[in-house]
Amino acid sequence: MTILGDEVLCSVCDHGSGLSEEDQARLFQRGVSLNAQPTGGETSTGLGLAIANDLAKALGGRLSCTSALGEGSVFTLSLPLAKPGDPFDETGGGALPTLPSHTTLPSMPHAQHVK
């Protein structure tokens, strides 16, 4: 996870088969079957990314994907940081911690950091 300006970004890198431009255009639509097939043999309902996108928007953020066929994909969740007085400010209205404009937060040992 990275803090960049007034957003926190969480990116996940997928080293699968990648997505065509056509699939990328339909990626966040409900119930859409893409040309790319899951590489682990799992089933797909076409709802997961649509629901995740709706949730990101409800929180004031966005979900995006960059991908190329044969090279995998990078999915990024961007959420706004809470400001003092925001409903999600857990500091009781006090000042939030000040961080440099570009801060990388520690990640889990098995996770791969993607910028």
PDB file of N, CA and C in Angstrom:
ATOM      1  N   MET A   1       0.851  -1.172   0.000  1.00  0.00           N
ATOM      2  CA  MET A   1       0.000   0.000   0.000  1.00  0.00           C
ATOM      3  C   MET A   1       0.890   1.227   0.000  1.00  0.00           C
ATOM      4  N   THR A   2       0.418   2.261  -0.671  1.00  0.00           N
ATOM      5  CA  THR A   2       1.164   3.492  -0.805  1.00  0.00           C
ATOM      6  C   THR A   2       0.229   4.666  -0.554  1.00  0.00           C
ATOM      7  N   ILE A   3       0.713   5.661   0.166  1.00  0.00           N
ATOM      8  CA  ILE A   3      -0.029   6.908   0.311  1.00  0.00           C
ATOM      9  C   ILE A   3       0.578   7.884  -0.679  1.00  0.00           C
ATOM     10  N   LEU A   4      -0.272   8.420  -1.548  1.00  0.00           N
ATOM     11  CA  LEU A   4       0.167   9.347  -2.569  1.00  0.00           C
ATOM     12  C   LEU A   4      -0.773  10.545  -2.540  1.00  0.00           C
ATOM     13  N   GLY A   5      -0.264  11.673  -2.066  1.00  0.00           N
ATOM     14  CA  GLY A   5      -1.110  12.855  -1.937  1.00  0.00           C
ATOM     15  C   GLY A   5      -2.197  12.608  -0.919  1.00  0.00           C
ATOM     16  N   ASP A   6      -3.448  12.758  -1.324  1.00  0.00           N
ATOM     17  CA  ASP A   6      -4.574  12.573  -0.398  1.00  0.00           C
ATOM     18  C   ASP A   6      -5.295  11.249  -0.636  1.00  0.00           C
ATOM     19  N   GLU A   7      -4.570  10.260  -1.199  1.00  0.00           N
ATOM     20  CA  GLU A   7      -5.146   8.945  -1.448  1.00  0.00           C
ATOM     21  C   GLU A   7      -4.247   7.844  -0.907  1.00  0.00           C
ATOM     22  N   VAL A   8      -4.865   6.724  -0.572  1.00  0.00           N
ATOM     23  CA  VAL A   8      -4.123   5.513  -0.276  1.00  0.00           C
ATOM     24  C   VAL A   8      -4.379   4.554  -1.439  1.00  0.00           C
ATOM     25  N   LEU A   9      -3.297   3.972  -1.953  1.00  0.00           N
ATOM     26  CA  LEU A   9      -3.379   3.077  -3.105  1.00  0.00           C
ATOM     27  C   LEU A   9      -2.961   1.677  -2.694  1.00  0.00           C
ATOM     28  N   CYS A  10      -3.718   0.697  -3.127  1.00  0.00           N
ATOM     29  CA  CYS A  10      -3.375  -0.697  -2.899  1.00  0.00           C
ATOM     30  C   CYS A  10      -3.402  -1.391  -4.248  1.00  0.00           C
ATOM     31  N   SER A  11      -2.241  -1.894  -4.676  1.00  0.00           N
ATOM     32  CA  SER A  11      -2.138  -2.545  -5.982  1.00  0.00           C
ATOM     33  C   SER A  11      -1.798  -4.015  -5.815  1.00  0.00           C
ATOM     34  N   VAL A  12      -2.393  -4.825  -6.680  1.00  0.00           N
ATOM     35  CA  VAL A  12      -2.144  -6.259  -6.699  1.00  0.00           C
ATOM     36  C   VAL A  12      -1.726  -6.622  -8.124  1.00  0.00           C
ATOM     37  N   CYS A  13      -0.594  -7.309  -8.227  1.00  0.00           N
ATOM     38  CA  CYS A  13      -0.067  -7.720  -9.525  1.00  0.00           C
ATOM     39  C   CYS A  13      -0.436  -9.173  -9.781  1.00  0.00           C
ATOM     40  N   ASP A  14      -0.963  -9.429 -10.969  1.00  0.00           N
ATOM     41  CA  ASP A  14      -1.373 -10.753 -11.385  1.00  0.00           C
ATOM     42  C   ASP A  14      -0.489 -11.145 -12.566  1.00  0.00           C
ATOM     43  N   HIS A  15       0.215 -12.259 -12.469  1.00  0.00           N
ATOM     44  CA  HIS A  15       1.094 -12.690 -13.544  1.00  0.00           C
ATOM     45  C   HIS A  15       0.407 -13.705 -14.453  1.00  0.00           C
ATOM     46  N   GLY A  16      -0.909 -13.569 -14.601  1.00  0.00           N
ATOM     47  CA  GLY A  16      -1.670 -14.478 -15.449  1.00  0.00           C
ATOM     48  C   GLY A  16      -1.522 -14.130 -16.919  1.00  0.00           C
ATOM     49  N   SER A  17      -2.533 -14.461 -17.683  1.00  0.00           N
ATOM     50  CA  SER A  17      -2.470 -14.300 -19.138  1.00  0.00           C
ATOM     51  C   SER A  17      -2.752 -12.881 -19.603  1.00  0.00           C
ATOM     52  N   GLY A  18      -3.166 -11.998 -18.716  1.00  0.00           N
ATOM     53  CA  GLY A  18      -3.471 -10.626 -19.100  1.00  0.00           C
ATOM     54  C   GLY A  18      -4.844 -10.502 -19.724  1.00  0.00           C
ATOM     55  N   LEU A  19      -5.256  -9.270 -19.992  1.00  0.00           N
ATOM     56  CA  LEU A  19      -6.582  -8.996 -20.539  1.00  0.00           C
ATOM     57  C   LEU A  19      -6.468  -8.193 -21.828  1.00  0.00           C
ATOM     58  N   SER A  20      -7.317  -8.523 -22.789  1.00  0.00           N
ATOM     59  CA  SER A  20      -7.364  -7.747 -24.028  1.00  0.00           C
ATOM     60  C   SER A  20      -7.983  -6.382 -23.730  1.00  0.00           C
ATOM     61  N   GLU A  21      -7.827  -5.435 -24.644  1.00  0.00           N
ATOM     62  CA  GLU A  21      -8.445  -4.116 -24.482  1.00  0.00           C
ATOM     63  C   GLU A  21      -9.962  -4.249 -24.431  1.00  0.00           C
ATOM     64  N   GLU A  22     -10.511  -5.180 -25.208  1.00  0.00           N
ATOM     65  CA  GLU A  22     -11.962  -5.425 -25.205  1.00  0.00           C
ATOM     66  C   GLU A  22     -12.422  -5.890 -23.825  1.00  0.00           C
ATOM     67  N   ASP A  23     -11.704  -6.839 -23.232  1.00  0.00           N
ATOM     68  CA  ASP A  23     -12.060  -7.320 -21.899  1.00  0.00           C
ATOM     69  C   ASP A  23     -11.897  -6.218 -20.854  1.00  0.00           C
ATOM     70  N   GLN A  24     -10.848  -5.417 -20.971  1.00  0.00           N
ATOM     71  CA  GLN A  24     -10.635  -4.334 -20.009  1.00  0.00           C
ATOM     72  C   GLN A  24     -11.797  -3.343 -20.026  1.00  0.00           C
ATOM     73  N   ALA A  25     -12.375  -3.094 -21.192  1.00  0.00           N
ATOM     74  CA  ALA A  25     -13.493  -2.162 -21.318  1.00  0.00           C
ATOM     75  C   ALA A  25     -14.748  -2.692 -20.620  1.00  0.00           C
ATOM     76  N   ARG A  26     -14.857  -4.015 -20.467  1.00  0.00           N
ATOM     77  CA  ARG A  26     -16.049  -4.635 -19.866  1.00  0.00           C
ATOM     78  C   ARG A  26     -15.786  -5.196 -18.469  1.00  0.00           C
ATOM     79  N   LEU A  27     -14.602  -4.988 -17.955  1.00  0.00           N
ATOM     80  CA  LEU A  27     -14.125  -5.652 -16.751  1.00  0.00           C
ATOM     81  C   LEU A  27     -15.014  -5.454 -15.527  1.00  0.00           C
ATOM     82  N   PHE A  28     -15.567  -4.265 -15.337  1.00  0.00           N
ATOM     83  CA  PHE A  28     -16.308  -3.954 -14.117  1.00  0.00           C
ATOM     84  C   PHE A  28     -17.825  -4.008 -14.312  1.00  0.00           C
ATOM     85  N   GLN A  29     -18.280  -4.590 -15.416  1.00  0.00           N
ATOM     86  CA  GLN A  29     -19.712  -4.730 -15.673  1.00  0.00           C
ATOM     87  C   GLN A  29     -20.226  -6.015 -15.029  1.00  0.00           C
ATOM     88  N   ARG A  30     -21.429  -5.947 -14.479  1.00  0.00           N
ATOM     89  CA  ARG A  30     -22.029  -7.107 -13.805  1.00  0.00           C
ATOM     90  C   ARG A  30     -22.364  -8.230 -14.772  1.00  0.00           C
ATOM     91  N   GLY A  31     -22.004  -9.463 -14.369  1.00  0.00           N
ATOM     92  CA  GLY A  31     -22.409 -10.657 -15.096  1.00  0.00           C
ATOM     93  C   GLY A  31     -21.782 -10.847 -16.464  1.00  0.00           C
ATOM     94  N   VAL A  32     -20.730 -10.104 -16.761  1.00  0.00           N
ATOM     95  CA  VAL A  32     -20.092 -10.203 -18.072  1.00  0.00           C
ATOM     96  C   VAL A  32     -19.056 -11.320 -18.064  1.00  0.00           C
ATOM     97  N   SER A  33     -19.105 -12.172 -19.057  1.00  0.00           N
ATOM     98  CA  SER A  33     -18.081 -13.198 -19.224  1.00  0.00           C
ATOM     99  C   SER A  33     -16.998 -12.640 -20.135  1.00  0.00           C
ATOM    100  N   LEU A  34     -15.766 -12.686 -19.669  1.00  0.00           N
ATOM    101  CA  LEU A  34     -14.643 -12.175 -20.445  1.00  0.00           C
ATOM    102  C   LEU A  34     -14.043 -13.292 -21.289  1.00  0.00           C
ATOM    103  N   ASN A  35     -13.273 -12.900 -22.303  1.00  0.00           N
ATOM    104  CA  ASN A  35     -12.582 -13.893 -23.130  1.00  0.00           C
ATOM    105  C   ASN A  35     -11.493 -14.599 -22.340  1.00  0.00           C
ATOM    106  N   ALA A  36     -10.825 -13.850 -21.450  1.00  0.00           N
ATOM    107  CA  ALA A  36      -9.773 -14.448 -20.617  1.00  0.00           C
ATOM    108  C   ALA A  36     -10.415 -15.401 -19.615  1.00  0.00           C
ATOM    109  N   GLN A  37      -9.821 -16.557 -19.457  1.00  0.00           N
ATOM    110  CA  GLN A  37     -10.339 -17.566 -18.535  1.00  0.00           C
ATOM    111  C   GLN A  37      -9.448 -17.636 -17.298  1.00  0.00           C
ATOM    112  N   PRO A  38     -10.038 -17.908 -16.120  1.00  0.00           N
ATOM    113  CA  PRO A  38      -9.227 -18.059 -14.906  1.00  0.00           C
ATOM    114  C   PRO A  38      -8.151 -19.125 -15.112  1.00  0.00           C
ATOM    115  N   THR A  39      -6.942 -18.851 -14.638  1.00  0.00           N
ATOM    116  CA  THR A  39      -5.828 -19.781 -14.856  1.00  0.00           C
ATOM    117  C   THR A  39      -5.784 -20.910 -13.838  1.00  0.00           C
ATOM    118  N   GLY A  40      -6.498 -20.765 -12.730  1.00  0.00           N
ATOM    119  CA  GLY A  40      -6.475 -21.796 -11.699  1.00  0.00           C
ATOM    120  C   GLY A  40      -7.641 -22.759 -11.791  1.00  0.00           C
ATOM    121  N   GLY A  41      -8.422 -22.678 -12.873  1.00  0.00           N
ATOM    122  CA  GLY A  41      -9.545 -23.591 -13.041  1.00  0.00           C
ATOM    123  C   GLY A  41     -10.777 -23.205 -12.234  1.00  0.00           C
ATOM    124  N   GLU A  42     -10.731 -22.057 -11.515  1.00  0.00           N
ATOM    125  CA  GLU A  42     -11.876 -21.642 -10.722  1.00  0.00           C
ATOM    126  C   GLU A  42     -13.003 -21.144 -11.620  1.00  0.00           C
ATOM    127  N   THR A  43     -14.214 -21.131 -11.079  1.00  0.00           N
ATOM    128  CA  THR A  43     -15.357 -20.641 -11.834  1.00  0.00           C
ATOM    129  C   THR A  43     -15.464 -19.131 -11.662  1.00  0.00           C
ATOM    130  N   SER A  44     -16.197 -18.496 -12.555  1.00  0.00           N
ATOM    131  CA  SER A  44     -16.369 -17.055 -12.510  1.00  0.00           C
ATOM    132  C   SER A  44     -17.828 -16.717 -12.755  1.00  0.00           C
ATOM    133  N   THR A  45     -18.385 -15.846 -11.906  1.00  0.00           N
ATOM    134  CA  THR A  45     -19.768 -15.400 -12.080  1.00  0.00           C
ATOM    135  C   THR A  45     -19.842 -14.055 -12.777  1.00  0.00           C
ATOM    136  N   GLY A  46     -18.720 -13.360 -12.878  1.00  0.00           N
ATOM    137  CA  GLY A  46     -18.724 -12.030 -13.464  1.00  0.00           C
ATOM    138  C   GLY A  46     -19.238 -10.970 -12.519  1.00  0.00           C
ATOM    139  N   LEU A  47     -19.292 -11.274 -11.224  1.00  0.00           N
ATOM    140  CA  LEU A  47     -19.814 -10.313 -10.246  1.00  0.00           C
ATOM    141  C   LEU A  47     -18.739  -9.708  -9.344  1.00  0.00           C
ATOM    142  N   GLY A  48     -17.645 -10.409  -9.111  1.00  0.00           N
ATOM    143  CA  GLY A  48     -16.660  -9.984  -8.122  1.00  0.00           C
ATOM    144  C   GLY A  48     -16.100  -8.593  -8.337  1.00  0.00           C
ATOM    145  N   LEU A  49     -15.578  -8.315  -9.529  1.00  0.00           N
ATOM    146  CA  LEU A  49     -14.998  -7.001  -9.793  1.00  0.00           C
ATOM    147  C   LEU A  49     -16.064  -5.916  -9.870  1.00  0.00           C
ATOM    148  N   ALA A  50     -17.273  -6.258 -10.331  1.00  0.00           N
ATOM    149  CA  ALA A  50     -18.361  -5.286 -10.366  1.00  0.00           C
ATOM    150  C   ALA A  50     -18.735  -4.863  -8.948  1.00  0.00           C
ATOM    151  N   ILE A  51     -18.829  -5.820  -8.039  1.00  0.00           N
ATOM    152  CA  ILE A  51     -19.153  -5.515  -6.640  1.00  0.00           C
ATOM    153  C   ILE A  51     -18.021  -4.721  -6.000  1.00  0.00           C
ATOM    154  N   ALA A  52     -16.770  -5.125  -6.239  1.00  0.00           N
ATOM    155  CA  ALA A  52     -15.624  -4.399  -5.690  1.00  0.00           C
ATOM    156  C   ALA A  52     -15.594  -2.963  -6.203  1.00  0.00           C
ATOM    157  N   ASN A  53     -15.914  -2.758  -7.473  1.00  0.00           N
ATOM    158  CA  ASN A  53     -15.948  -1.422  -8.062  1.00  0.00           C
ATOM    159  C   ASN A  53     -17.047  -0.575  -7.423  1.00  0.00           C
ATOM    160  N   ASP A  54     -18.231  -1.164  -7.217  1.00  0.00           N
ATOM    161  CA  ASP A  54     -19.331  -0.445  -6.571  1.00  0.00           C
ATOM    162  C   ASP A  54     -18.947  -0.032  -5.150  1.00  0.00           C
ATOM    163  N   LEU A  55     -18.283  -0.923  -4.426  1.00  0.00           N
ATOM    164  CA  LEU A  55     -17.854  -0.622  -3.064  1.00  0.00           C
ATOM    165  C   LEU A  55     -16.806   0.494  -3.055  1.00  0.00           C
ATOM    166  N   ALA A  56     -15.851   0.437  -3.967  1.00  0.00           N
ATOM    167  CA  ALA A  56     -14.834   1.491  -4.058  1.00  0.00           C
ATOM    168  C   ALA A  56     -15.490   2.840  -4.309  1.00  0.00           C
ATOM    169  N   LYS A  57     -16.451   2.894  -5.237  1.00  0.00           N
ATOM    170  CA  LYS A  57     -17.149   4.148  -5.535  1.00  0.00           C
ATOM    171  C   LYS A  57     -17.938   4.649  -4.329  1.00  0.00           C
ATOM    172  N   ALA A  58     -18.588   3.720  -3.601  1.00  0.00           N
ATOM    173  CA  ALA A  58     -19.365   4.104  -2.418  1.00  0.00           C
ATOM    174  C   ALA A  58     -18.474   4.726  -1.342  1.00  0.00           C
ATOM    175  N   LEU A  59     -17.203   4.341  -1.325  1.00  0.00           N
ATOM    176  CA  LEU A  59     -16.253   4.880  -0.351  1.00  0.00           C
ATOM    177  C   LEU A  59     -15.510   6.101  -0.896  1.00  0.00           C
ATOM    178  N   GLY A  60     -15.925   6.586  -2.068  1.00  0.00           N
ATOM    179  CA  GLY A  60     -15.305   7.769  -2.648  1.00  0.00           C
ATOM    180  C   GLY A  60     -14.037   7.479  -3.425  1.00  0.00           C
ATOM    181  N   GLY A  61     -13.809   6.218  -3.752  1.00  0.00           N
ATOM    182  CA  GLY A  61     -12.580   5.833  -4.442  1.00  0.00           C
ATOM    183  C   GLY A  61     -12.852   5.272  -5.815  1.00  0.00           C
ATOM    184  N   ARG A  62     -11.880   4.521  -6.298  1.00  0.00           N
ATOM    185  CA  ARG A  62     -12.013   3.914  -7.620  1.00  0.00           C
ATOM    186  C   ARG A  62     -11.175   2.636  -7.685  1.00  0.00           C
ATOM    187  N   LEU A  63     -11.564   1.776  -8.582  1.00  0.00           N
ATOM    188  CA  LEU A  63     -10.838   0.542  -8.857  1.00  0.00           C
ATOM    189  C   LEU A  63     -10.420   0.601 -10.311  1.00  0.00           C
ATOM    190  N   SER A  64      -9.159   0.299 -10.590  1.00  0.00           N
ATOM    191  CA  SER A  64      -8.682   0.369 -11.969  1.00  0.00           C
ATOM    192  C   SER A  64      -7.815  -0.846 -12.288  1.00  0.00           C
ATOM    193  N   CYS A  65      -7.583  -1.038 -13.565  1.00  0.00           N
ATOM    194  CA  CYS A  65      -6.775  -2.157 -14.027  1.00  0.00           C
ATOM    195  C   CYS A  65      -5.932  -1.710 -15.207  1.00  0.00           C
ATOM    196  N   THR A  66      -4.670  -2.102 -15.195  1.00  0.00           N
ATOM    197  CA  THR A  66      -3.827  -1.980 -16.385  1.00  0.00           C
ATOM    198  C   THR A  66      -3.373  -3.394 -16.718  1.00  0.00           C
ATOM    199  N   SER A  67      -3.405  -3.725 -17.998  1.00  0.00           N
ATOM    200  CA  SER A  67      -3.111  -5.094 -18.381  1.00  0.00           C
ATOM    201  C   SER A  67      -2.641  -5.155 -19.825  1.00  0.00           C
ATOM    202  N   ALA A  68      -1.906  -6.207 -20.120  1.00  0.00           N
ATOM    203  CA  ALA A  68      -1.501  -6.494 -21.489  1.00  0.00           C
ATOM    204  C   ALA A  68      -1.517  -8.006 -21.668  1.00  0.00           C
ATOM    205  N   LEU A  69      -2.008  -8.458 -22.806  1.00  0.00           N
ATOM    206  CA  LEU A  69      -2.055  -9.899 -23.079  1.00  0.00           C
ATOM    207  C   LEU A  69      -0.669 -10.512 -22.960  1.00  0.00           C
ATOM    208  N   GLY A  70      -0.591 -11.624 -22.265  1.00  0.00           N
ATOM    209  CA  GLY A  70       0.663 -12.336 -22.084  1.00  0.00           C
ATOM    210  C   GLY A  70       1.569 -11.752 -21.017  1.00  0.00           C
ATOM    211  N   GLU A  71       1.166 -10.639 -20.400  1.00  0.00           N
ATOM    212  CA  GLU A  71       2.020  -9.985 -19.404  1.00  0.00           C
ATOM    213  C   GLU A  71       1.374  -9.860 -18.028  1.00  0.00           C
ATOM    214  N   GLY A  72       0.120 -10.225 -17.884  1.00  0.00           N
ATOM    215  CA  GLY A  72      -0.550 -10.107 -16.599  1.00  0.00           C
ATOM    216  C   GLY A  72      -1.263  -8.779 -16.439  1.00  0.00           C
ATOM    217  N   SER A  73      -1.688  -8.511 -15.200  1.00  0.00           N
ATOM    218  CA  SER A  73      -2.490  -7.327 -14.902  1.00  0.00           C
ATOM    219  C   SER A  73      -2.082  -6.734 -13.568  1.00  0.00           C
ATOM    220  N   VAL A  74      -2.366  -5.446 -13.400  1.00  0.00           N
ATOM    221  CA  VAL A  74      -2.209  -4.771 -12.109  1.00  0.00           C
ATOM    222  C   VAL A  74      -3.552  -4.123 -11.791  1.00  0.00           C
ATOM    223  N   PHE A  75      -4.137  -4.531 -10.668  1.00  0.00           N
ATOM    224  CA  PHE A  75      -5.395  -3.961 -10.194  1.00  0.00           C
ATOM    225  C   PHE A  75      -5.061  -3.005  -9.060  1.00  0.00           C
ATOM    226  N   THR A  76      -5.625  -1.786  -9.101  1.00  0.00           N
ATOM    227  CA  THR A  76      -5.335  -0.779  -8.083  1.00  0.00           C
ATOM    228  C   THR A  76      -6.623  -0.242  -7.490  1.00  0.00           C
ATOM    229  N   LEU A  77      -6.701  -0.276  -6.157  1.00  0.00           N
ATOM    230  CA  LEU A  77      -7.788   0.333  -5.401  1.00  0.00           C
ATOM    231  C   LEU A  77      -7.258   1.650  -4.853  1.00  0.00           C
ATOM    232  N   SER A  78      -7.933   2.750  -5.167  1.00  0.00           N
ATOM    233  CA  SER A  78      -7.568   4.070  -4.675  1.00  0.00           C
ATOM    234  C   SER A  78      -8.689   4.576  -3.788  1.00  0.00           C
ATOM    235  N   LEU A  79      -8.358   4.953  -2.554  1.00  0.00           N
ATOM    236  CA  LEU A  79      -9.346   5.480  -1.612  1.00  0.00           C
ATOM    237  C   LEU A  79      -8.852   6.796  -1.040  1.00  0.00           C
ATOM    238  N   PRO A  80      -9.757   7.749  -0.817  1.00  0.00           N
ATOM    239  CA  PRO A  80      -9.333   9.021  -0.229  1.00  0.00           C
ATOM    240  C   PRO A  80      -8.968   8.830   1.244  1.00  0.00           C
ATOM    241  N   LEU A  81      -7.956   9.578   1.691  1.00  0.00           N
ATOM    242  CA  LEU A  81      -7.609   9.574   3.107  1.00  0.00           C
ATOM    243  C   LEU A  81      -8.656  10.370   3.875  1.00  0.00           C
ATOM    244  N   ALA A  82      -8.926   9.966   5.105  1.00  0.00           N
ATOM    245  CA  ALA A  82      -9.861  10.707   5.954  1.00  0.00           C
ATOM    246  C   ALA A  82      -9.242  12.046   6.326  1.00  0.00           C
ATOM    247  N   LYS A  83     -10.094  13.054   6.433  1.00  0.00           N
ATOM    248  CA  LYS A  83      -9.663  14.372   6.886  1.00  0.00           C
ATOM    249  C   LYS A  83     -10.296  14.617   8.252  1.00  0.00           C
ATOM    250  N   PRO A  84      -9.674  15.432   9.108  1.00  0.00           N
ATOM    251  CA  PRO A  84     -10.285  15.715  10.416  1.00  0.00           C
ATOM    252  C   PRO A  84     -11.739  16.145  10.258  1.00  0.00           C
ATOM    253  N   GLY A  85     -12.599  15.511  11.039  1.00  0.00           N
ATOM    254  CA  GLY A  85     -14.022  15.816  10.987  1.00  0.00           C
ATOM    255  C   GLY A  85     -14.811  14.931  10.043  1.00  0.00           C
ATOM    256  N   ASP A  86     -14.136  14.169   9.161  1.00  0.00           N
ATOM    257  CA  ASP A  86     -14.837  13.236   8.281  1.00  0.00           C
ATOM    258  C   ASP A  86     -15.485  12.148   9.132  1.00  0.00           C
ATOM    259  N   PRO A  87     -16.574  11.557   8.640  1.00  0.00           N
ATOM    260  CA  PRO A  87     -17.217  10.483   9.413  1.00  0.00           C
ATOM    261  C   PRO A  87     -16.284   9.325   9.753  1.00  0.00           C
ATOM    262  N   PHE A  88     -15.247   9.094   8.928  1.00  0.00           N
ATOM    263  CA  PHE A  88     -14.353   7.977   9.167  1.00  0.00           C
ATOM    264  C   PHE A  88     -13.121   8.373   9.972  1.00  0.00           C
ATOM    265  N   ASP A  89     -13.038   9.631  10.411  1.00  0.00           N
ATOM    266  CA  ASP A  89     -11.911  10.098  11.211  1.00  0.00           C
ATOM    267  C   ASP A  89     -12.052   9.530  12.615  1.00  0.00           C
ATOM    268  N   GLU A  90     -11.182   8.573  12.969  1.00  0.00           N
ATOM    269  CA  GLU A  90     -11.260   7.915  14.270  1.00  0.00           C
ATOM    270  C   GLU A  90     -10.457   8.635  15.346  1.00  0.00           C
ATOM    271  N   THR A  91      -9.917   9.807  15.020  1.00  0.00           N
ATOM    272  CA  THR A  91      -9.104  10.521  16.003  1.00  0.00           C
ATOM    273  C   THR A  91      -9.942  11.439  16.873  1.00  0.00           C
ATOM    274  N   GLY A  92     -11.274  11.419  16.702  1.00  0.00           N
ATOM    275  CA  GLY A  92     -12.127  12.272  17.515  1.00  0.00           C
ATOM    276  C   GLY A  92     -12.092  13.727  17.073  1.00  0.00           C
ATOM    277  N   GLY A  93     -11.801  13.967  15.811  1.00  0.00           N
ATOM    278  CA  GLY A  93     -11.789  15.331  15.305  1.00  0.00           C
ATOM    279  C   GLY A  93     -10.434  15.991  15.420  1.00  0.00           C
ATOM    280  N   GLY A  94      -9.469  15.299  16.017  1.00  0.00           N
ATOM    281  CA  GLY A  94      -8.131  15.854  16.138  1.00  0.00           C
ATOM    282  C   GLY A  94      -7.370  15.727  14.843  1.00  0.00           C
ATOM    283  N   ALA A  95      -6.146  16.183  14.860  1.00  0.00           N
ATOM    284  CA  ALA A  95      -5.324  16.146  13.645  1.00  0.00           C
ATOM    285  C   ALA A  95      -4.958  14.709  13.296  1.00  0.00           C
ATOM    286  N   LEU A  96      -5.018  14.410  12.035  1.00  0.00           N
ATOM    287  CA  LEU A  96      -4.577  13.109  11.558  1.00  0.00           C
ATOM    288  C   LEU A  96      -3.064  13.105  11.446  1.00  0.00           C
ATOM    289  N   PRO A  97      -2.438  11.945  11.513  1.00  0.00           N
ATOM    290  CA  PRO A  97      -0.984  11.897  11.363  1.00  0.00           C
ATOM    291  C   PRO A  97      -0.549  12.530  10.055  1.00  0.00           C
ATOM    292  N   THR A  98       0.540  13.247  10.087  1.00  0.00           N
ATOM    293  CA  THR A  98       1.082  13.858   8.883  1.00  0.00           C
ATOM    294  C   THR A  98       2.101  12.916   8.287  1.00  0.00           C
ATOM    295  N   LEU A  99       1.919  12.591   7.017  1.00  0.00           N
ATOM    296  CA  LEU A  99       2.825  11.699   6.312  1.00  0.00           C
ATOM    297  C   LEU A  99       3.372  12.430   5.095  1.00  0.00           C
ATOM    298  N   PRO A 100       4.577  12.085   4.673  1.00  0.00           N
ATOM    299  CA  PRO A 100       5.088  12.671   3.428  1.00  0.00           C
ATOM    300  C   PRO A 100       4.132  12.373   2.283  1.00  0.00           C
ATOM    301  N   SER A 101       4.202  13.155   1.216  1.00  0.00           N
ATOM    302  CA  SER A 101       3.242  13.010   0.125  1.00  0.00           C
ATOM    303  C   SER A 101       3.339  11.660  -0.573  1.00  0.00           C
ATOM    304  N   HIS A 102       4.453  10.949  -0.437  1.00  0.00           N
ATOM    305  CA  HIS A 102       4.577   9.622  -1.046  1.00  0.00           C
ATOM    306  C   HIS A 102       5.184   8.693   0.001  1.00  0.00           C
ATOM    307  N   THR A 103       4.342   7.908   0.650  1.00  0.00           N
ATOM    308  CA  THR A 103       4.782   7.013   1.711  1.00  0.00           C
ATOM    309  C   THR A 103       4.368   5.597   1.367  1.00  0.00           C
ATOM    310  N   THR A 104       5.291   4.665   1.460  1.00  0.00           N
ATOM    311  CA  THR A 104       4.973   3.258   1.241  1.00  0.00           C
ATOM    312  C   THR A 104       4.790   2.604   2.597  1.00  0.00           C
ATOM    313  N   LEU A 105       3.630   1.989   2.793  1.00  0.00           N
ATOM    314  CA  LEU A 105       3.328   1.319   4.045  1.00  0.00           C
ATOM    315  C   LEU A 105       3.880  -0.099   3.998  1.00  0.00           C
ATOM    316  N   PRO A 106       4.192  -0.678   5.152  1.00  0.00           N
ATOM    317  CA  PRO A 106       4.715  -2.048   5.147  1.00  0.00           C
ATOM    318  C   PRO A 106       3.694  -3.012   4.564  1.00  0.00           C
ATOM    319  N   SER A 107       4.186  -3.999   3.846  1.00  0.00           N
ATOM    320  CA  SER A 107       3.313  -4.987   3.265  1.00  0.00           C
ATOM    321  C   SER A 107       3.553  -6.345   3.915  1.00  0.00           C
ATOM    322  N   MET A 108       2.670  -7.264   3.607  1.00  0.00           N
ATOM    323  CA  MET A 108       2.816  -8.611   4.141  1.00  0.00           C
ATOM    324  C   MET A 108       4.028  -9.277   3.496  1.00  0.00           C
ATOM    325  N   PRO A 109       4.755 -10.133   4.209  1.00  0.00           N
ATOM    326  CA  PRO A 109       5.975 -10.732   3.682  1.00  0.00           C
ATOM    327  C   PRO A 109       5.808 -11.450   2.348  1.00  0.00           C
ATOM    328  N   HIS A 110       4.654 -12.097   2.126  1.00  0.00           N
ATOM    329  CA  HIS A 110       4.463 -12.857   0.890  1.00  0.00           C
ATOM    330  C   HIS A 110       3.862 -12.007  -0.230  1.00  0.00           C
ATOM    331  N   ALA A 111       3.524 -10.744   0.059  1.00  0.00           N
ATOM    332  CA  ALA A 111       2.937  -9.884  -0.954  1.00  0.00           C
ATOM    333  C   ALA A 111       4.020  -9.220  -1.795  1.00  0.00           C
ATOM    334  N   GLN A 112       3.686  -8.923  -3.017  1.00  0.00           N
ATOM    335  CA  GLN A 112       4.626  -8.245  -3.905  1.00  0.00           C
ATOM    336  C   GLN A 112       4.180  -6.795  -4.037  1.00  0.00           C
ATOM    337  N   HIS A 113       5.096  -5.846  -3.777  1.00  0.00           N
ATOM    338  CA  HIS A 113       4.768  -4.434  -3.883  1.00  0.00           C
ATOM    339  C   HIS A 113       4.840  -4.012  -5.337  1.00  0.00           C
ATOM    340  N   VAL A 114       3.795  -3.356  -5.819  1.00  0.00           N
ATOM    341  CA  VAL A 114       3.724  -2.890  -7.193  1.00  0.00           C
ATOM    342  C   VAL A 114       3.475  -1.393  -7.153  1.00  0.00           C
ATOM    343  N   LYS A 115       4.303  -0.635  -7.858  1.00  0.00           N
ATOM    344  CA  LYS A 115       4.084   0.821  -7.922  1.00  0.00           C
ATOM    345  C   LYS A 115       3.439   1.185  -9.228  1.00  0.00           C
TER     346      LYS A 115
END
